[in-house]
Amino acid sequence: MMDDNKQLAQRIDGAIQSASQEVTNLRSELSATSRRLAELGAHDSGSMLETLQHNHNGRTAARRVE
């Protein structure tokens, strides 16, 4: 019984460590994405250029969204 509890505790501890590492990775990815969005926002002077491509009639339309 004691060994079962010890094994369960080790499995739980491993799962917690894995989840913690995943959270760390996701935070890092989110931070990098936020930096990239900030760079794009600064580059675009606060507005976004949305490009809509339509294959219909072979035309490409673009509009500025502010």
PDB file of N, CA and C in Angstrom:
ATOM      1  N   MET A   1       0.811  -1.187   0.000  1.00  0.00           N
ATOM      2  CA  MET A   1       0.000   0.000   0.000  1.00  0.00           C
ATOM      3  C   MET A   1       0.868   1.269   0.000  1.00  0.00           C
ATOM      4  N   MET A   2       1.905   1.258   0.806  1.00  0.00           N
ATOM      5  CA  MET A   2       2.811   2.392   0.888  1.00  0.00           C
ATOM      6  C   MET A   2       3.518   2.602  -0.444  1.00  0.00           C
ATOM      7  N   ASP A   3       3.936   1.515  -1.088  1.00  0.00           N
ATOM      8  CA  ASP A   3       4.603   1.613  -2.389  1.00  0.00           C
ATOM      9  C   ASP A   3       3.651   2.147  -3.456  1.00  0.00           C
ATOM     10  N   ASP A   4       2.392   1.728  -3.401  1.00  0.00           N
ATOM     11  CA  ASP A   4       1.394   2.226  -4.356  1.00  0.00           C
ATOM     12  C   ASP A   4       1.235   3.740  -4.231  1.00  0.00           C
ATOM     13  N   ASN A   5       1.163   4.207  -2.994  1.00  0.00           N
ATOM     14  CA  ASN A   5       1.029   5.652  -2.767  1.00  0.00           C
ATOM     15  C   ASN A   5       2.262   6.407  -3.254  1.00  0.00           C
ATOM     16  N   LYS A   6       3.428   5.811  -3.032  1.00  0.00           N
ATOM     17  CA  LYS A   6       4.675   6.442  -3.463  1.00  0.00           C
ATOM     18  C   LYS A   6       4.731   6.522  -4.992  1.00  0.00           C
ATOM     19  N   GLN A   7       4.338   5.453  -5.667  1.00  0.00           N
ATOM     20  CA  GLN A   7       4.332   5.452  -7.128  1.00  0.00           C
ATOM     21  C   GLN A   7       3.319   6.470  -7.666  1.00  0.00           C
ATOM     22  N   LEU A   8       2.163   6.520  -7.032  1.00  0.00           N
ATOM     23  CA  LEU A   8       1.142   7.486  -7.446  1.00  0.00           C
ATOM     24  C   LEU A   8       1.658   8.912  -7.264  1.00  0.00           C
ATOM     25  N   ALA A   9       2.287   9.164  -6.146  1.00  0.00           N
ATOM     26  CA  ALA A   9       2.842  10.491  -5.876  1.00  0.00           C
ATOM     27  C   ALA A   9       3.901  10.856  -6.909  1.00  0.00           C
ATOM     28  N   GLN A  10       4.737   9.901  -7.297  1.00  0.00           N
ATOM     29  CA  GLN A  10       5.765  10.155  -8.303  1.00  0.00           C
ATOM     30  C   GLN A  10       5.147  10.458  -9.666  1.00  0.00           C
ATOM     31  N   ARG A  11       4.084   9.714 -10.011  1.00  0.00           N
ATOM     32  CA  ARG A  11       3.398   9.962 -11.284  1.00  0.00           C
ATOM     33  C   ARG A  11       2.747  11.347 -11.287  1.00  0.00           C
ATOM     34  N   ILE A  12       2.119  11.696 -10.163  1.00  0.00           N
ATOM     35  CA  ILE A  12       1.490  13.017 -10.048  1.00  0.00           C
ATOM     36  C   ILE A  12       2.545  14.110 -10.141  1.00  0.00           C
ATOM     37  N   ASP A  13       3.660  13.909  -9.445  1.00  0.00           N
ATOM     38  CA  ASP A  13       4.751  14.887  -9.479  1.00  0.00           C
ATOM     39  C   ASP A  13       5.285  15.054 -10.902  1.00  0.00           C
ATOM     40  N   GLY A  14       5.444  13.959 -11.610  1.00  0.00           N
ATOM     41  CA  GLY A  14       5.909  14.023 -12.997  1.00  0.00           C
ATOM     42  C   GLY A  14       4.924  14.758 -13.884  1.00  0.00           C
ATOM     43  N   ALA A  15       3.643  14.503 -13.690  1.00  0.00           N
ATOM     44  CA  ALA A  15       2.612  15.182 -14.478  1.00  0.00           C
ATOM     45  C   ALA A  15       2.611  16.682 -14.189  1.00  0.00           C
ATOM     46  N   ILE A  16       2.801  17.041 -12.927  1.00  0.00           N
ATOM     47  CA  ILE A  16       2.847  18.455 -12.549  1.00  0.00           C
ATOM     48  C   ILE A  16       4.062  19.128 -13.186  1.00  0.00           C
ATOM     49  N   GLN A  17       5.204  18.455 -13.149  1.00  0.00           N
ATOM     50  CA  GLN A  17       6.405  19.019 -13.760  1.00  0.00           C
ATOM     51  C   GLN A  17       6.237  19.181 -15.270  1.00  0.00           C
ATOM     52  N   SER A  18       5.611  18.212 -15.919  1.00  0.00           N
ATOM     53  CA  SER A  18       5.363  18.304 -17.362  1.00  0.00           C
ATOM     54  C   SER A  18       4.429  19.469 -17.680  1.00  0.00           C
ATOM     55  N   ALA A  19       3.377  19.592 -16.885  1.00  0.00           N
ATOM     56  CA  ALA A  19       2.424  20.683 -17.095  1.00  0.00           C
ATOM     57  C   ALA A  19       3.094  22.033 -16.860  1.00  0.00           C
ATOM     58  N   SER A  20       3.935  22.111 -15.852  1.00  0.00           N
ATOM     59  CA  SER A  20       4.655  23.347 -15.565  1.00  0.00           C
ATOM     60  C   SER A  20       5.572  23.727 -16.722  1.00  0.00           C
ATOM     61  N   GLN A  21       6.249  22.759 -17.288  1.00  0.00           N
ATOM     62  CA  GLN A  21       7.128  23.026 -18.435  1.00  0.00           C
ATOM     63  C   GLN A  21       6.319  23.488 -19.642  1.00  0.00           C
ATOM     64  N   GLU A  22       5.169  22.877 -19.849  1.00  0.00           N
ATOM     65  CA  GLU A  22       4.299  23.278 -20.958  1.00  0.00           C
ATOM     66  C   GLU A  22       3.809  24.711 -20.772  1.00  0.00           C
ATOM     67  N   VAL A  23       3.451  25.073 -19.539  1.00  0.00           N
ATOM     68  CA  VAL A  23       3.030  26.446 -19.252  1.00  0.00           C
ATOM     69  C   VAL A  23       4.169  27.417 -19.546  1.00  0.00           C
ATOM     70  N   THR A  24       5.367  27.065 -19.141  1.00  0.00           N
ATOM     71  CA  THR A  24       6.538  27.903 -19.409  1.00  0.00           C
ATOM     72  C   THR A  24       6.735  28.085 -20.914  1.00  0.00           C
ATOM     73  N   ASN A  25       6.622  26.992 -21.661  1.00  0.00           N
ATOM     74  CA  ASN A  25       6.772  27.070 -23.112  1.00  0.00           C
ATOM     75  C   ASN A  25       5.696  27.941 -23.747  1.00  0.00           C
ATOM     76  N   LEU A  26       4.457  27.785 -23.290  1.00  0.00           N
ATOM     77  CA  LEU A  26       3.355  28.579 -23.839  1.00  0.00           C
ATOM     78  C   LEU A  26       3.517  30.061 -23.505  1.00  0.00           C
ATOM     79  N   ARG A  27       3.993  30.354 -22.293  1.00  0.00           N
ATOM     80  CA  ARG A  27       4.229  31.758 -21.930  1.00  0.00           C
ATOM     81  C   ARG A  27       5.306  32.372 -22.811  1.00  0.00           C
ATOM     82  N   SER A  28       6.336  31.611 -23.081  1.00  0.00           N
ATOM     83  CA  SER A  28       7.410  32.088 -23.941  1.00  0.00           C
ATOM     84  C   SER A  28       6.897  32.350 -25.357  1.00  0.00           C
ATOM     85  N   GLU A  29       6.106  31.424 -25.852  1.00  0.00           N
ATOM     86  CA  GLU A  29       5.525  31.582 -27.188  1.00  0.00           C
ATOM     87  C   GLU A  29       4.589  32.791 -27.245  1.00  0.00           C
ATOM     88  N   LEU A  30       3.792  32.976 -26.212  1.00  0.00           N
ATOM     89  CA  LEU A  30       2.881  34.116 -26.146  1.00  0.00           C
ATOM     90  C   LEU A  30       3.657  35.430 -26.092  1.00  0.00           C
ATOM     91  N   SER A  31       4.731  35.444 -25.336  1.00  0.00           N
ATOM     92  CA  SER A  31       5.557  36.633 -25.235  1.00  0.00           C
ATOM     93  C   SER A  31       6.180  36.981 -26.594  1.00  0.00           C
ATOM     94  N   ALA A  32       6.684  35.973 -27.286  1.00  0.00           N
ATOM     95  CA  ALA A  32       7.267  36.198 -28.612  1.00  0.00           C
ATOM     96  C   ALA A  32       6.214  36.702 -29.594  1.00  0.00           C
ATOM     97  N   THR A  33       5.020  36.152 -29.510  1.00  0.00           N
ATOM     98  CA  THR A  33       3.926  36.586 -30.388  1.00  0.00           C
ATOM     99  C   THR A  33       3.538  38.026 -30.076  1.00  0.00           C
ATOM    100  N   SER A  34       3.473  38.372 -28.806  1.00  0.00           N
ATOM    101  CA  SER A  34       3.137  39.738 -28.408  1.00  0.00           C
ATOM    102  C   SER A  34       4.182  40.730 -28.907  1.00  0.00           C
ATOM    103  N   ARG A  35       5.461  40.346 -28.795  1.00  0.00           N
ATOM    104  CA  ARG A  35       6.525  41.218 -29.302  1.00  0.00           C
ATOM    105  C   ARG A  35       6.393  41.423 -30.805  1.00  0.00           C
ATOM    106  N   ARG A  36       6.115  40.341 -31.512  1.00  0.00           N
ATOM    107  CA  ARG A  36       5.975  40.422 -32.964  1.00  0.00           C
ATOM    108  C   ARG A  36       4.790  41.299 -33.357  1.00  0.00           C
ATOM    109  N   LEU A  37       3.673  41.158 -32.654  1.00  0.00           N
ATOM    110  CA  LEU A  37       2.511  42.005 -32.928  1.00  0.00           C
ATOM    111  C   LEU A  37       2.823  43.469 -32.649  1.00  0.00           C
ATOM    112  N   ALA A  38       3.560  43.734 -31.574  1.00  0.00           N
ATOM    113  CA  ALA A  38       3.950  45.106 -31.259  1.00  0.00           C
ATOM    114  C   ALA A  38       4.848  45.673 -32.364  1.00  0.00           C
ATOM    115  N   GLU A  39       5.767  44.861 -32.865  1.00  0.00           N
ATOM    116  CA  GLU A  39       6.634  45.298 -33.962  1.00  0.00           C
ATOM    117  C   GLU A  39       5.813  45.615 -35.202  1.00  0.00           C
ATOM    118  N   LEU A  40       4.884  44.757 -35.517  1.00  0.00           N
ATOM    119  CA  LEU A  40       4.043  44.973 -36.688  1.00  0.00           C
ATOM    120  C   LEU A  40       3.177  46.215 -36.518  1.00  0.00           C
ATOM    121  N   GLY A  41       2.659  46.400 -35.319  1.00  0.00           N
ATOM    122  CA  GLY A  41       1.842  47.578 -35.043  1.00  0.00           C
ATOM    123  C   GLY A  41       2.640  48.860 -35.160  1.00  0.00           C
ATOM    124  N   ALA A  42       3.866  48.861 -34.663  1.00  0.00           N
ATOM    125  CA  ALA A  42       4.732  50.034 -34.752  1.00  0.00           C
ATOM    126  C   ALA A  42       5.118  50.289 -36.200  1.00  0.00           C
ATOM    127  N   HIS A  43       5.363  49.231 -36.918  1.00  0.00           N
ATOM    128  CA  HIS A  43       5.757  49.353 -38.326  1.00  0.00           C
ATOM    129  C   HIS A  43       4.618  49.914 -39.162  1.00  0.00           C
ATOM    130  N   ASP A  44       3.407  49.589 -38.792  1.00  0.00           N
ATOM    131  CA  ASP A  44       2.242  49.980 -39.583  1.00  0.00           C
ATOM    132  C   ASP A  44       1.609  51.269 -39.057  1.00  0.00           C
ATOM    133  N   SER A  45       2.268  51.985 -38.167  1.00  0.00           N
ATOM    134  CA  SER A  45       1.802  53.267 -37.627  1.00  0.00           C
ATOM    135  C   SER A  45       0.409  53.195 -37.015  1.00  0.00           C
ATOM    136  N   GLY A  46       0.104  52.101 -36.339  1.00  0.00           N
ATOM    137  CA  GLY A  46      -1.142  52.001 -35.606  1.00  0.00           C
ATOM    138  C   GLY A  46      -2.328  51.532 -36.416  1.00  0.00           C
ATOM    139  N   SER A  47      -2.176  51.266 -37.681  1.00  0.00           N
ATOM    140  CA  SER A  47      -3.297  50.737 -38.456  1.00  0.00           C
ATOM    141  C   SER A  47      -2.863  49.458 -39.142  1.00  0.00           C
ATOM    142  N   MET A  48      -3.821  48.683 -39.542  1.00  0.00           N
ATOM    143  CA  MET A  48      -3.514  47.411 -40.187  1.00  0.00           C
ATOM    144  C   MET A  48      -3.996  47.451 -41.625  1.00  0.00           C
ATOM    145  N   LEU A  49      -3.190  46.907 -42.498  1.00  0.00           N
ATOM    146  CA  LEU A  49      -3.591  46.784 -43.892  1.00  0.00           C
ATOM    147  C   LEU A  49      -4.110  45.377 -44.099  1.00  0.00           C
ATOM    148  N   GLU A  50      -5.379  45.277 -44.438  1.00  0.00           N
ATOM    149  CA  GLU A  50      -5.984  43.969 -44.648  1.00  0.00           C
ATOM    150  C   GLU A  50      -6.095  43.746 -46.154  1.00  0.00           C
ATOM    151  N   THR A  51      -5.463  42.688 -46.627  1.00  0.00           N
ATOM    152  CA  THR A  51      -5.510  42.385 -48.049  1.00  0.00           C
ATOM    153  C   THR A  51      -6.451  41.230 -48.289  1.00  0.00           C
ATOM    154  N   LEU A  52      -7.405  41.464 -49.140  1.00  0.00           N
ATOM    155  CA  LEU A  52      -8.364  40.428 -49.490  1.00  0.00           C
ATOM    156  C   LEU A  52      -8.105  40.029 -50.936  1.00  0.00           C
ATOM    157  N   GLN A  53      -7.821  38.784 -51.134  1.00  0.00           N
ATOM    158  CA  GLN A  53      -7.582  38.317 -52.484  1.00  0.00           C
ATOM    159  C   GLN A  53      -8.785  37.550 -52.971  1.00  0.00           C
ATOM    160  N   HIS A  54      -9.204  37.891 -54.156  1.00  0.00           N
ATOM    161  CA  HIS A  54     -10.346  37.217 -54.763  1.00  0.00           C
ATOM    162  C   HIS A  54      -9.903  36.643 -56.101  1.00  0.00           C
ATOM    163  N   ASN A  55     -10.141  35.405 -56.282  1.00  0.00           N
ATOM    164  CA  ASN A  55      -9.821  34.784 -57.560  1.00  0.00           C
ATOM    165  C   ASN A  55     -10.897  35.092 -58.597  1.00  0.00           C
ATOM    166  N   HIS A  56     -12.031  35.534 -58.105  1.00  0.00           N
ATOM    167  CA  HIS A  56     -13.121  35.883 -59.013  1.00  0.00           C
ATOM    168  C   HIS A  56     -12.698  37.078 -59.865  1.00  0.00           C
ATOM    169  N   ASN A  57     -12.692  36.936 -61.128  1.00  0.00           N
ATOM    170  CA  ASN A  57     -12.285  37.955 -62.094  1.00  0.00           C
ATOM    171  C   ASN A  57     -10.802  38.296 -61.996  1.00  0.00           C
ATOM    172  N   GLY A  58     -10.060  37.527 -61.244  1.00  0.00           N
ATOM    173  CA  GLY A  58      -8.611  37.736 -61.141  1.00  0.00           C
ATOM    174  C   GLY A  58      -8.208  39.038 -60.494  1.00  0.00           C
ATOM    175  N   ARG A  59      -9.068  39.598 -59.629  1.00  0.00           N
ATOM    176  CA  ARG A  59      -8.768  40.873 -59.002  1.00  0.00           C
ATOM    177  C   ARG A  59      -8.293  40.683 -57.573  1.00  0.00           C
ATOM    178  N   THR A  60      -7.469  41.620 -57.131  1.00  0.00           N
ATOM    179  CA  THR A  60      -7.045  41.667 -55.735  1.00  0.00           C
ATOM    180  C   THR A  60      -7.517  42.993 -55.167  1.00  0.00           C
ATOM    181  N   ALA A  61      -8.173  42.942 -54.048  1.00  0.00           N
ATOM    182  CA  ALA A  61      -8.670  44.158 -53.404  1.00  0.00           C
ATOM    183  C   ALA A  61      -7.966  44.315 -52.070  1.00  0.00           C
ATOM    184  N   ALA A  62      -7.670  45.563 -51.720  1.00  0.00           N
ATOM    185  CA  ALA A  62      -7.054  45.852 -50.424  1.00  0.00           C
ATOM    186  C   ALA A  62      -7.824  46.980 -49.781  1.00  0.00           C
ATOM    187  N   ARG A  63      -7.950  46.915 -48.472  1.00  0.00           N
ATOM    188  CA  ARG A  63      -8.593  48.007 -47.758  1.00  0.00           C
ATOM    189  C   ARG A  63      -7.848  48.239 -46.459  1.00  0.00           C
ATOM    190  N   ARG A  64      -7.823  49.469 -46.028  1.00  0.00           N
ATOM    191  CA  ARG A  64      -7.148  49.834 -44.784  1.00  0.00           C
ATOM    192  C   ARG A  64      -8.176  49.828 -43.666  1.00  0.00           C
ATOM    193  N   VAL A  65      -7.834  49.145 -42.583  1.00  0.00           N
ATOM    194  CA  VAL A  65      -8.703  49.082 -41.416  1.00  0.00           C
ATOM    195  C   VAL A  65      -8.043  49.863 -40.311  1.00  0.00           C
ATOM    196  N   GLU A  66      -8.750  50.846 -39.755  1.00  0.00           N
ATOM    197  CA  GLU A  66      -8.159  51.672 -38.690  1.00  0.00           C
ATOM    198  C   GLU A  66      -8.981  51.622 -37.448  1.00  0.00           C
TER     199      GLU A  66
END
